[in-house]
Amino acid sequence: SRMVSEEEMEDAALAKWIDAGMKTEDIPIQKVFDLLRKNG
């Protein structure tokens, strides 16, 4: 097992979106803004 904090989960999701965006450029900007706003 491995315990992962909520922040680490959010970082992983953001990294996944960035990787997908680098390939397709189809990531909704609102998702990125929502995640950034959630983190202050």
PDB file of all heavy atoms in Angstrom:
ATOM      1  N   SER A   1       0.836  -1.200   0.000  1.00  0.00           N
ATOM      2  CA  SER A   1       0.000   0.000   0.000  1.00  0.00           C
ATOM      3  C   SER A   1       0.868   1.246   0.000  1.00  0.00           C
ATOM      4  O   SER A   1       2.048   1.196   0.346  1.00  0.00           O
ATOM      5  CB  SER A   1      -0.918   0.008   1.229  1.00  0.00           C
ATOM      6  OG  SER A   1      -0.152   0.148   2.406  1.00  0.00           O
ATOM      7  N   ARG A   2       0.250   2.338  -0.364  1.00  0.00           N
ATOM      8  CA  ARG A   2       0.919   3.636  -0.343  1.00  0.00           C
ATOM      9  C   ARG A   2      -0.139   4.675  -0.019  1.00  0.00           C
ATOM     10  O   ARG A   2      -1.178   4.742  -0.669  1.00  0.00           O
ATOM     11  CB  ARG A   2       1.538   3.935  -1.696  1.00  0.00           C
ATOM     12  CG  ARG A   2       2.219   5.277  -1.738  1.00  0.00           C
ATOM     13  CD  ARG A   2       2.994   5.454  -3.031  1.00  0.00           C
ATOM     14  NE  ARG A   2       3.603   6.762  -3.013  1.00  0.00           N
ATOM     15  CZ  ARG A   2       3.307   7.721  -3.865  1.00  0.00           C
ATOM     16  NH1 ARG A   2       2.431   7.506  -4.817  1.00  0.00           N
ATOM     17  NH2 ARG A   2       3.900   8.882  -3.775  1.00  0.00           N
ATOM     18  N   MET A   3       0.112   5.467   0.995  1.00  0.00           N
ATOM     19  CA  MET A   3      -0.807   6.522   1.378  1.00  0.00           C
ATOM     20  C   MET A   3      -0.457   7.780   0.582  1.00  0.00           C
ATOM     21  O   MET A   3       0.706   8.182   0.530  1.00  0.00           O
ATOM     22  CB  MET A   3      -0.722   6.812   2.879  1.00  0.00           C
ATOM     23  CG  MET A   3      -1.050   5.625   3.760  1.00  0.00           C
ATOM     24  SD  MET A   3      -2.746   5.093   3.488  1.00  0.00           S
ATOM     25  CE  MET A   3      -2.777   3.584   4.402  1.00  0.00           C
ATOM     26  N   VAL A   4      -1.453   8.370  -0.047  1.00  0.00           N
ATOM     27  CA  VAL A   4      -1.257   9.541  -0.884  1.00  0.00           C
ATOM     28  C   VAL A   4      -2.181  10.642  -0.381  1.00  0.00           C
ATOM     29  O   VAL A   4      -3.363  10.401  -0.148  1.00  0.00           O
ATOM     30  CB  VAL A   4      -1.583   9.217  -2.362  1.00  0.00           C
ATOM     31  CG1 VAL A   4      -1.387  10.427  -3.247  1.00  0.00           C
ATOM     32  CG2 VAL A   4      -0.753   8.055  -2.845  1.00  0.00           C
ATOM     33  N   SER A   5      -1.623  11.841  -0.228  1.00  0.00           N
ATOM     34  CA  SER A   5      -2.432  12.964   0.253  1.00  0.00           C
ATOM     35  C   SER A   5      -3.330  13.487  -0.869  1.00  0.00           C
ATOM     36  O   SER A   5      -3.128  13.206  -2.049  1.00  0.00           O
ATOM     37  CB  SER A   5      -1.531  14.091   0.751  1.00  0.00           C
ATOM     38  OG  SER A   5      -0.862  14.692  -0.330  1.00  0.00           O
ATOM     39  N   GLU A   6      -4.318  14.276  -0.476  1.00  0.00           N
ATOM     40  CA  GLU A   6      -5.226  14.868  -1.455  1.00  0.00           C
ATOM     41  C   GLU A   6      -4.461  15.778  -2.417  1.00  0.00           C
ATOM     42  O   GLU A   6      -4.749  15.811  -3.612  1.00  0.00           O
ATOM     43  CB  GLU A   6      -6.317  15.665  -0.735  1.00  0.00           C
ATOM     44  CG  GLU A   6      -7.403  16.154  -1.654  1.00  0.00           C
ATOM     45  CD  GLU A   6      -8.556  16.788  -0.914  1.00  0.00           C
ATOM     46  OE1 GLU A   6      -8.755  16.469   0.277  1.00  0.00           O
ATOM     47  OE2 GLU A   6      -9.252  17.597  -1.530  1.00  0.00           O
ATOM     48  N   GLU A   7      -3.467  16.496  -1.895  1.00  0.00           N
ATOM     49  CA  GLU A   7      -2.665  17.379  -2.743  1.00  0.00           C
ATOM     50  C   GLU A   7      -1.904  16.581  -3.806  1.00  0.00           C
ATOM     51  O   GLU A   7      -1.797  17.009  -4.959  1.00  0.00           O
ATOM     52  CB  GLU A   7      -1.678  18.198  -1.902  1.00  0.00           C
ATOM     53  CG  GLU A   7      -2.327  19.243  -1.024  1.00  0.00           C
ATOM     54  CD  GLU A   7      -2.847  18.668   0.296  1.00  0.00           C
ATOM     55  OE1 GLU A   7      -2.390  17.576   0.711  1.00  0.00           O
ATOM     56  OE2 GLU A   7      -3.729  19.300   0.883  1.00  0.00           O
ATOM     57  N   GLU A   8      -1.383  15.417  -3.419  1.00  0.00           N
ATOM     58  CA  GLU A   8      -0.661  14.582  -4.374  1.00  0.00           C
ATOM     59  C   GLU A   8      -1.601  14.063  -5.463  1.00  0.00           C
ATOM     60  O   GLU A   8      -1.220  13.975  -6.625  1.00  0.00           O
ATOM     61  CB  GLU A   8       0.017  13.414  -3.671  1.00  0.00           C
ATOM     62  CG  GLU A   8       1.202  13.819  -2.814  1.00  0.00           C
ATOM     63  CD  GLU A   8       1.752  12.667  -1.998  1.00  0.00           C
ATOM     64  OE1 GLU A   8       0.970  12.015  -1.278  1.00  0.00           O
ATOM     65  OE2 GLU A   8       2.971  12.430  -2.100  1.00  0.00           O
ATOM     66  N   MET A   9      -2.845  13.739  -5.081  1.00  0.00           N
ATOM     67  CA  MET A   9      -3.833  13.286  -6.055  1.00  0.00           C
ATOM     68  C   MET A   9      -4.156  14.411  -7.043  1.00  0.00           C
ATOM     69  O   MET A   9      -4.261  14.179  -8.244  1.00  0.00           O
ATOM     70  CB  MET A   9      -5.115  12.825  -5.361  1.00  0.00           C
ATOM     71  CG  MET A   9      -4.952  11.574  -4.522  1.00  0.00           C
ATOM     72  SD  MET A   9      -4.721  10.100  -5.509  1.00  0.00           S
ATOM     73  CE  MET A   9      -6.357   9.918  -6.180  1.00  0.00           C
ATOM     74  N   GLU A  10      -4.309  15.637  -6.529  1.00  0.00           N
ATOM     75  CA  GLU A  10      -4.600  16.778  -7.397  1.00  0.00           C
ATOM     76  C   GLU A  10      -3.428  17.054  -8.333  1.00  0.00           C
ATOM     77  O   GLU A  10      -3.633  17.358  -9.515  1.00  0.00           O
ATOM     78  CB  GLU A  10      -4.926  18.009  -6.563  1.00  0.00           C
ATOM     79  CG  GLU A  10      -6.253  17.897  -5.847  1.00  0.00           C
ATOM     80  CD  GLU A  10      -6.500  18.996  -4.847  1.00  0.00           C
ATOM     81  OE1 GLU A  10      -5.578  19.795  -4.567  1.00  0.00           O
ATOM     82  OE2 GLU A  10      -7.618  19.066  -4.323  1.00  0.00           O
ATOM     83  N   ASP A  11      -2.206  16.961  -7.811  1.00  0.00           N
ATOM     84  CA  ASP A  11      -1.023  17.172  -8.646  1.00  0.00           C
ATOM     85  C   ASP A  11      -0.963  16.135  -9.770  1.00  0.00           C
ATOM     86  O   ASP A  11      -0.619  16.457 -10.912  1.00  0.00           O
ATOM     87  CB  ASP A  11       0.257  17.102  -7.817  1.00  0.00           C
ATOM     88  CG  ASP A  11       0.441  18.301  -6.904  1.00  0.00           C
ATOM     89  OD1 ASP A  11      -0.274  19.314  -7.094  1.00  0.00           O
ATOM     90  OD2 ASP A  11       1.299  18.222  -6.001  1.00  0.00           O
ATOM     91  N   ALA A  12      -1.291  14.896  -9.438  1.00  0.00           N
ATOM     92  CA  ALA A  12      -1.273  13.834 -10.446  1.00  0.00           C
ATOM     93  C   ALA A  12      -2.329  14.097 -11.521  1.00  0.00           C
ATOM     94  O   ALA A  12      -2.071  13.894 -12.719  1.00  0.00           O
ATOM     95  CB  ALA A  12      -1.505  12.477  -9.796  1.00  0.00           C
ATOM     96  N   ALA A  13      -3.516  14.560 -11.110  1.00  0.00           N
ATOM     97  CA  ALA A  13      -4.569  14.863 -12.076  1.00  0.00           C
ATOM     98  C   ALA A  13      -4.146  16.013 -12.987  1.00  0.00           C
ATOM     99  O   ALA A  13      -4.338  15.950 -14.210  1.00  0.00           O
ATOM    100  CB  ALA A  13      -5.868  15.207 -11.357  1.00  0.00           C
ATOM    101  N   LEU A  14      -3.571  17.054 -12.407  1.00  0.00           N
ATOM    102  CA  LEU A  14      -3.109  18.189 -13.200  1.00  0.00           C
ATOM    103  C   LEU A  14      -2.025  17.762 -14.185  1.00  0.00           C
ATOM    104  O   LEU A  14      -2.043  18.151 -15.361  1.00  0.00           O
ATOM    105  CB  LEU A  14      -2.603  19.303 -12.289  1.00  0.00           C
ATOM    106  CG  LEU A  14      -2.227  20.617 -12.958  1.00  0.00           C
ATOM    107  CD1 LEU A  14      -3.386  21.181 -13.763  1.00  0.00           C
ATOM    108  CD2 LEU A  14      -1.766  21.621 -11.916  1.00  0.00           C
ATOM    109  N   ALA A  15      -1.098  16.930 -13.738  1.00  0.00           N
ATOM    110  CA  ALA A  15      -0.033  16.431 -14.622  1.00  0.00           C
ATOM    111  C   ALA A  15      -0.621  15.611 -15.767  1.00  0.00           C
ATOM    112  O   ALA A  15      -0.176  15.727 -16.915  1.00  0.00           O
ATOM    113  CB  ALA A  15       0.963  15.596 -13.825  1.00  0.00           C
ATOM    114  N   LYS A  16      -1.637  14.818 -15.460  1.00  0.00           N
ATOM    115  CA  LYS A  16      -2.291  14.013 -16.496  1.00  0.00           C
ATOM    116  C   LYS A  16      -2.948  14.913 -17.537  1.00  0.00           C
ATOM    117  O   LYS A  16      -2.844  14.674 -18.740  1.00  0.00           O
ATOM    118  CB  LYS A  16      -3.327  13.092 -15.850  1.00  0.00           C
ATOM    119  CG  LYS A  16      -4.030  12.171 -16.806  1.00  0.00           C
ATOM    120  CD  LYS A  16      -5.014  11.279 -16.081  1.00  0.00           C
ATOM    121  CE  LYS A  16      -5.788  10.415 -17.039  1.00  0.00           C
ATOM    122  NZ  LYS A  16      -6.745   9.552 -16.338  1.00  0.00           N
ATOM    123  N   TRP A  17      -3.629  15.980 -17.074  1.00  0.00           N
ATOM    124  CA  TRP A  17      -4.273  16.917 -18.005  1.00  0.00           C
ATOM    125  C   TRP A  17      -3.235  17.631 -18.863  1.00  0.00           C
ATOM    126  O   TRP A  17      -3.444  17.845 -20.044  1.00  0.00           O
ATOM    127  CB  TRP A  17      -5.107  17.946 -17.257  1.00  0.00           C
ATOM    128  CG  TRP A  17      -6.306  17.382 -16.568  1.00  0.00           C
ATOM    129  CD1 TRP A  17      -6.984  16.229 -16.884  1.00  0.00           C
ATOM    130  CD2 TRP A  17      -6.976  17.934 -15.449  1.00  0.00           C
ATOM    131  NE1 TRP A  17      -8.024  16.044 -16.014  1.00  0.00           N
ATOM    132  CE2 TRP A  17      -8.052  17.074 -15.130  1.00  0.00           C
ATOM    133  CE3 TRP A  17      -6.782  19.071 -14.673  1.00  0.00           C
ATOM    134  CZ2 TRP A  17      -8.923  17.331 -14.079  1.00  0.00           C
ATOM    135  CZ3 TRP A  17      -7.656  19.321 -13.636  1.00  0.00           C
ATOM    136  CH2 TRP A  17      -8.700  18.457 -13.335  1.00  0.00           C
ATOM    137  N   ILE A  18      -2.123  18.013 -18.246  1.00  0.00           N
ATOM    138  CA  ILE A  18      -1.064  18.691 -18.998  1.00  0.00           C
ATOM    139  C   ILE A  18      -0.513  17.757 -20.077  1.00  0.00           C
ATOM    140  O   ILE A  18      -0.347  18.156 -21.229  1.00  0.00           O
ATOM    141  CB  ILE A  18       0.054  19.187 -18.061  1.00  0.00           C
ATOM    142  CG1 ILE A  18      -0.462  20.360 -17.212  1.00  0.00           C
ATOM    143  CG2 ILE A  18       1.289  19.586 -18.860  1.00  0.00           C
ATOM    144  CD1 ILE A  18       0.480  20.776 -16.095  1.00  0.00           C
ATOM    145  N   ASP A  19      -0.234  16.505 -19.711  1.00  0.00           N
ATOM    146  CA  ASP A  19       0.271  15.538 -20.692  1.00  0.00           C
ATOM    147  C   ASP A  19      -0.719  15.344 -21.829  1.00  0.00           C
ATOM    148  O   ASP A  19      -0.349  15.320 -23.001  1.00  0.00           O
ATOM    149  CB  ASP A  19       0.570  14.191 -20.030  1.00  0.00           C
ATOM    150  CG  ASP A  19       1.828  14.213 -19.185  1.00  0.00           C
ATOM    151  OD1 ASP A  19       2.633  15.155 -19.347  1.00  0.00           O
ATOM    152  OD2 ASP A  19       1.997  13.298 -18.359  1.00  0.00           O
ATOM    153  N   ALA A  20      -1.998  15.210 -21.485  1.00  0.00           N
ATOM    154  CA  ALA A  20      -3.023  15.029 -22.515  1.00  0.00           C
ATOM    155  C   ALA A  20      -3.116  16.279 -23.385  1.00  0.00           C
ATOM    156  O   ALA A  20      -3.274  16.179 -24.612  1.00  0.00           O
ATOM    157  CB  ALA A  20      -4.376  14.738 -21.868  1.00  0.00           C
ATOM    158  N   GLY A  21      -3.014  17.439 -22.788  1.00  0.00           N
ATOM    159  CA  GLY A  21      -3.078  18.688 -23.536  1.00  0.00           C
ATOM    160  C   GLY A  21      -1.898  18.860 -24.476  1.00  0.00           C
ATOM    161  O   GLY A  21      -2.039  19.444 -25.555  1.00  0.00           O
ATOM    162  N   MET A  22      -0.760  18.361 -24.074  1.00  0.00           N
ATOM    163  CA  MET A  22       0.421  18.453 -24.933  1.00  0.00           C
ATOM    164  C   MET A  22       0.239  17.595 -26.193  1.00  0.00           C
ATOM    165  O   MET A  22       0.802  17.890 -27.234  1.00  0.00           O
ATOM    166  CB  MET A  22       1.674  17.999 -24.176  1.00  0.00           C
ATOM    167  CG  MET A  22       2.036  18.887 -23.005  1.00  0.00           C
ATOM    168  SD  MET A  22       2.488  20.546 -23.488  1.00  0.00           S
ATOM    169  CE  MET A  22       4.132  20.257 -24.067  1.00  0.00           C
ATOM    170  N   LYS A  23      -0.583  16.561 -26.102  1.00  0.00           N
ATOM    171  CA  LYS A  23      -0.801  15.679 -27.241  1.00  0.00           C
ATOM    172  C   LYS A  23      -1.984  16.121 -28.095  1.00  0.00           C
ATOM    173  O   LYS A  23      -1.944  16.031 -29.311  1.00  0.00           O
ATOM    174  CB  LYS A  23      -1.041  14.245 -26.753  1.00  0.00           C
ATOM    175  CG  LYS A  23       0.163  13.629 -26.092  1.00  0.00           C
ATOM    176  CD  LYS A  23      -0.144  12.271 -25.533  1.00  0.00           C
ATOM    177  CE  LYS A  23       1.046  11.750 -24.742  1.00  0.00           C
ATOM    178  NZ  LYS A  23       0.706  10.557 -23.986  1.00  0.00           N
ATOM    179  N   THR A  24      -3.078  16.586 -27.451  1.00  0.00           N
ATOM    180  CA  THR A  24      -4.302  16.855 -28.203  1.00  0.00           C
ATOM    181  C   THR A  24      -4.755  18.311 -28.160  1.00  0.00           C
ATOM    182  O   THR A  24      -5.533  18.725 -28.985  1.00  0.00           O
ATOM    183  CB  THR A  24      -5.462  16.006 -27.657  1.00  0.00           C
ATOM    184  OG1 THR A  24      -5.737  16.418 -26.325  1.00  0.00           O
ATOM    185  CG2 THR A  24      -5.150  14.529 -27.694  1.00  0.00           C
ATOM    186  N   GLU A  25      -4.331  19.051 -27.153  1.00  0.00           N
ATOM    187  CA  GLU A  25      -4.749  20.433 -26.937  1.00  0.00           C
ATOM    188  C   GLU A  25      -6.261  20.549 -26.724  1.00  0.00           C
ATOM    189  O   GLU A  25      -6.859  21.581 -26.994  1.00  0.00           O
ATOM    190  CB  GLU A  25      -4.300  21.329 -28.087  1.00  0.00           C
ATOM    191  CG  GLU A  25      -2.795  21.376 -28.237  1.00  0.00           C
ATOM    192  CD  GLU A  25      -2.341  22.256 -29.379  1.00  0.00           C
ATOM    193  OE1 GLU A  25      -3.145  23.045 -29.882  1.00  0.00           O
ATOM    194  OE2 GLU A  25      -1.173  22.152 -29.743  1.00  0.00           O
ATOM    195  N   ASP A  26      -6.918  19.501 -26.215  1.00  0.00           N
ATOM    196  CA  ASP A  26      -8.369  19.493 -26.016  1.00  0.00           C
ATOM    197  C   ASP A  26      -8.792  19.518 -24.551  1.00  0.00           C
ATOM    198  O   ASP A  26      -9.913  19.162 -24.240  1.00  0.00           O
ATOM    199  CB  ASP A  26      -8.989  18.254 -26.670  1.00  0.00           C
ATOM    200  CG  ASP A  26      -8.938  18.309 -28.188  1.00  0.00           C
ATOM    201  OD1 ASP A  26      -8.814  19.425 -28.726  1.00  0.00           O
ATOM    202  OD2 ASP A  26      -9.022  17.247 -28.815  1.00  0.00           O
ATOM    203  N   ILE A  27      -7.928  19.908 -23.630  1.00  0.00           N
ATOM    204  CA  ILE A  27      -8.269  19.951 -22.216  1.00  0.00           C
ATOM    205  C   ILE A  27      -9.037  21.247 -21.944  1.00  0.00           C
ATOM    206  O   ILE A  27      -8.545  22.321 -22.268  1.00  0.00           O
ATOM    207  CB  ILE A  27      -7.011  19.893 -21.324  1.00  0.00           C
ATOM    208  CG1 ILE A  27      -6.203  18.648 -21.631  1.00  0.00           C
ATOM    209  CG2 ILE A  27      -7.385  19.962 -19.853  1.00  0.00           C
ATOM    210  CD1 ILE A  27      -6.933  17.351 -21.440  1.00  0.00           C
ATOM    211  N   PRO A  28     -10.240  21.145 -21.370  1.00  0.00           N
ATOM    212  CA  PRO A  28     -11.009  22.362 -21.091  1.00  0.00           C
ATOM    213  C   PRO A  28     -10.272  23.263 -20.096  1.00  0.00           C
ATOM    214  O   PRO A  28      -9.853  22.816 -19.028  1.00  0.00           O
ATOM    215  CB  PRO A  28     -12.300  21.836 -20.481  1.00  0.00           C
ATOM    216  CG  PRO A  28     -12.363  20.400 -20.856  1.00  0.00           C
ATOM    217  CD  PRO A  28     -10.945  19.942 -21.028  1.00  0.00           C
ATOM    218  N   ILE A  29     -10.103  24.505 -20.454  1.00  0.00           N
ATOM    219  CA  ILE A  29      -9.374  25.449 -19.609  1.00  0.00           C
ATOM    220  C   ILE A  29     -10.070  25.630 -18.265  1.00  0.00           C
ATOM    221  O   ILE A  29      -9.425  25.889 -17.258  1.00  0.00           O
ATOM    222  CB  ILE A  29      -9.175  26.798 -20.337  1.00  0.00           C
ATOM    223  CG1 ILE A  29      -8.197  27.675 -19.563  1.00  0.00           C
ATOM    224  CG2 ILE A  29     -10.456  27.544 -20.492  1.00  0.00           C
ATOM    225  CD1 ILE A  29      -6.926  27.867 -20.282  1.00  0.00           C
ATOM    226  N   GLN A  30     -11.400  25.461 -18.245  1.00  0.00           N
ATOM    227  CA  GLN A  30     -12.150  25.631 -17.001  1.00  0.00           C
ATOM    228  C   GLN A  30     -11.712  24.616 -15.949  1.00  0.00           C
ATOM    229  O   GLN A  30     -11.646  24.928 -14.768  1.00  0.00           O
ATOM    230  CB  GLN A  30     -13.654  25.527 -17.258  1.00  0.00           C
ATOM    231  CG  GLN A  30     -14.492  25.969 -16.080  1.00  0.00           C
ATOM    232  CD  GLN A  30     -14.205  27.410 -15.670  1.00  0.00           C
ATOM    233  OE1 GLN A  30     -14.074  28.291 -16.508  1.00  0.00           O
ATOM    234  NE2 GLN A  30     -14.086  27.643 -14.391  1.00  0.00           N
ATOM    235  N   LYS A  31     -11.380  23.393 -16.345  1.00  0.00           N
ATOM    236  CA  LYS A  31     -10.904  22.386 -15.398  1.00  0.00           C
ATOM    237  C   LYS A  31      -9.606  22.836 -14.733  1.00  0.00           C
ATOM    238  O   LYS A  31      -9.407  22.659 -13.542  1.00  0.00           O
ATOM    239  CB  LYS A  31     -10.686  21.041 -16.088  1.00  0.00           C
ATOM    240  CG  LYS A  31     -11.934  20.257 -16.323  1.00  0.00           C
ATOM    241  CD  LYS A  31     -11.593  18.862 -16.806  1.00  0.00           C
ATOM    242  CE  LYS A  31     -12.829  18.031 -16.966  1.00  0.00           C
ATOM    243  NZ  LYS A  31     -12.528  16.663 -17.355  1.00  0.00           N
ATOM    244  N   VAL A  32      -8.716  23.410 -15.530  1.00  0.00           N
ATOM    245  CA  VAL A  32      -7.443  23.885 -14.993  1.00  0.00           C
ATOM    246  C   VAL A  32      -7.686  25.034 -14.023  1.00  0.00           C
ATOM    247  O   VAL A  32      -7.144  25.057 -12.914  1.00  0.00           O
ATOM    248  CB  VAL A  32      -6.490  24.319 -16.128  1.00  0.00           C
ATOM    249  CG1 VAL A  32      -5.219  24.924 -15.563  1.00  0.00           C
ATOM    250  CG2 VAL A  32      -6.176  23.134 -17.032  1.00  0.00           C
ATOM    251  N   PHE A  33      -8.528  25.999 -14.408  1.00  0.00           N
ATOM    252  CA  PHE A  33      -8.829  27.128 -13.532  1.00  0.00           C
ATOM    253  C   PHE A  33      -9.503  26.676 -12.239  1.00  0.00           C
ATOM    254  O   PHE A  33      -9.196  27.182 -11.160  1.00  0.00           O
ATOM    255  CB  PHE A  33      -9.716  28.158 -14.238  1.00  0.00           C
ATOM    256  CG  PHE A  33      -8.977  29.005 -15.226  1.00  0.00           C
ATOM    257  CD1 PHE A  33      -9.540  29.313 -16.450  1.00  0.00           C
ATOM    258  CD2 PHE A  33      -7.713  29.508 -14.951  1.00  0.00           C
ATOM    259  CE1 PHE A  33      -8.878  30.096 -17.369  1.00  0.00           C
ATOM    260  CE2 PHE A  33      -7.028  30.292 -15.862  1.00  0.00           C
ATOM    261  CZ  PHE A  33      -7.614  30.588 -17.072  1.00  0.00           C
ATOM    262  N   ASP A  34     -10.420  25.711 -12.329  1.00  0.00           N
ATOM    263  CA  ASP A  34     -11.097  25.203 -11.126  1.00  0.00           C
ATOM    264  C   ASP A  34     -10.099  24.583 -10.157  1.00  0.00           C
ATOM    265  O   ASP A  34     -10.160  24.815  -8.950  1.00  0.00           O
ATOM    266  CB  ASP A  34     -12.169  24.172 -11.496  1.00  0.00           C
ATOM    267  CG  ASP A  34     -13.378  24.781 -12.199  1.00  0.00           C
ATOM    268  OD1 ASP A  34     -13.532  26.032 -12.132  1.00  0.00           O
ATOM    269  OD2 ASP A  34     -14.147  24.027 -12.796  1.00  0.00           O
ATOM    270  N   LEU A  35      -9.166  23.789 -10.674  1.00  0.00           N
ATOM    271  CA  LEU A  35      -8.166  23.165  -9.825  1.00  0.00           C
ATOM    272  C   LEU A  35      -7.252  24.200  -9.204  1.00  0.00           C
ATOM    273  O   LEU A  35      -6.935  24.144  -8.015  1.00  0.00           O
ATOM    274  CB  LEU A  35      -7.356  22.148 -10.620  1.00  0.00           C
ATOM    275  CG  LEU A  35      -6.337  21.346  -9.820  1.00  0.00           C
ATOM    276  CD1 LEU A  35      -7.047  20.513  -8.756  1.00  0.00           C
ATOM    277  CD2 LEU A  35      -5.549  20.446 -10.732  1.00  0.00           C
ATOM    278  N   LEU A  36      -6.837  25.195  -9.989  1.00  0.00           N
ATOM    279  CA  LEU A  36      -5.982  26.246  -9.459  1.00  0.00           C
ATOM    280  C   LEU A  36      -6.710  27.067  -8.386  1.00  0.00           C
ATOM    281  O   LEU A  36      -6.136  27.375  -7.343  1.00  0.00           O
ATOM    282  CB  LEU A  36      -5.504  27.171 -10.580  1.00  0.00           C
ATOM    283  CG  LEU A  36      -4.518  26.542 -11.565  1.00  0.00           C
ATOM    284  CD1 LEU A  36      -4.255  27.477 -12.734  1.00  0.00           C
ATOM    285  CD2 LEU A  36      -3.219  26.163 -10.882  1.00  0.00           C
ATOM    286  N   ARG A  37      -7.973  27.399  -8.627  1.00  0.00           N
ATOM    287  CA  ARG A  37      -8.758  28.136  -7.646  1.00  0.00           C
ATOM    288  C   ARG A  37      -8.934  27.341  -6.351  1.00  0.00           C
ATOM    289  O   ARG A  37      -8.859  27.870  -5.255  1.00  0.00           O
ATOM    290  CB  ARG A  37     -10.129  28.492  -8.231  1.00  0.00           C
ATOM    291  CG  ARG A  37     -10.409  29.968  -8.193  1.00  0.00           C
ATOM    292  CD  ARG A  37     -11.766  30.330  -8.737  1.00  0.00           C
ATOM    293  NE  ARG A  37     -11.690  30.500 -10.185  1.00  0.00           N
ATOM    294  CZ  ARG A  37     -12.289  29.731 -11.077  1.00  0.00           C
ATOM    295  NH1 ARG A  37     -13.063  28.746 -10.708  1.00  0.00           N
ATOM    296  NH2 ARG A  37     -12.154  29.941 -12.366  1.00  0.00           N
ATOM    297  N   LYS A  38      -9.134  26.048  -6.495  1.00  0.00           N
ATOM    298  CA  LYS A  38      -9.307  25.173  -5.338  1.00  0.00           C
ATOM    299  C   LYS A  38      -8.057  25.182  -4.454  1.00  0.00           C
ATOM    300  O   LYS A  38      -8.127  25.044  -3.244  1.00  0.00           O
ATOM    301  CB  LYS A  38      -9.612  23.750  -5.794  1.00  0.00           C
ATOM    302  CG  LYS A  38      -9.911  22.787  -4.679  1.00  0.00           C
ATOM    303  CD  LYS A  38     -10.280  21.419  -5.225  1.00  0.00           C
ATOM    304  CE  LYS A  38     -10.567  20.454  -4.110  1.00  0.00           C
ATOM    305  NZ  LYS A  38     -10.876  19.125  -4.618  1.00  0.00           N
ATOM    306  N   ASN A  39      -6.899  25.384  -5.070  1.00  0.00           N
ATOM    307  CA  ASN A  39      -5.632  25.404  -4.342  1.00  0.00           C
ATOM    308  C   ASN A  39      -5.187  26.800  -3.958  1.00  0.00           C
ATOM    309  O   ASN A  39      -4.035  27.011  -3.615  1.00  0.00           O
ATOM    310  CB  ASN A  39      -4.551  24.694  -5.161  1.00  0.00           C
ATOM    311  CG  ASN A  39      -4.764  23.203  -5.181  1.00  0.00           C
ATOM    312  OD1 ASN A  39      -4.927  22.589  -4.144  1.00  0.00           O
ATOM    313  ND2 ASN A  39      -4.800  22.622  -6.362  1.00  0.00           N
ATOM    314  N   GLY A  40      -6.097  27.780  -4.056  1.00  0.00           N
ATOM    315  CA  GLY A  40      -5.789  29.119  -3.534  1.00  0.00           C
ATOM    316  C   GLY A  40      -5.336  30.138  -4.549  1.00  0.00           C
ATOM    317  O   GLY A  40      -5.050  31.265  -4.191  1.00  0.00           O
TER     318      GLY A  40
END
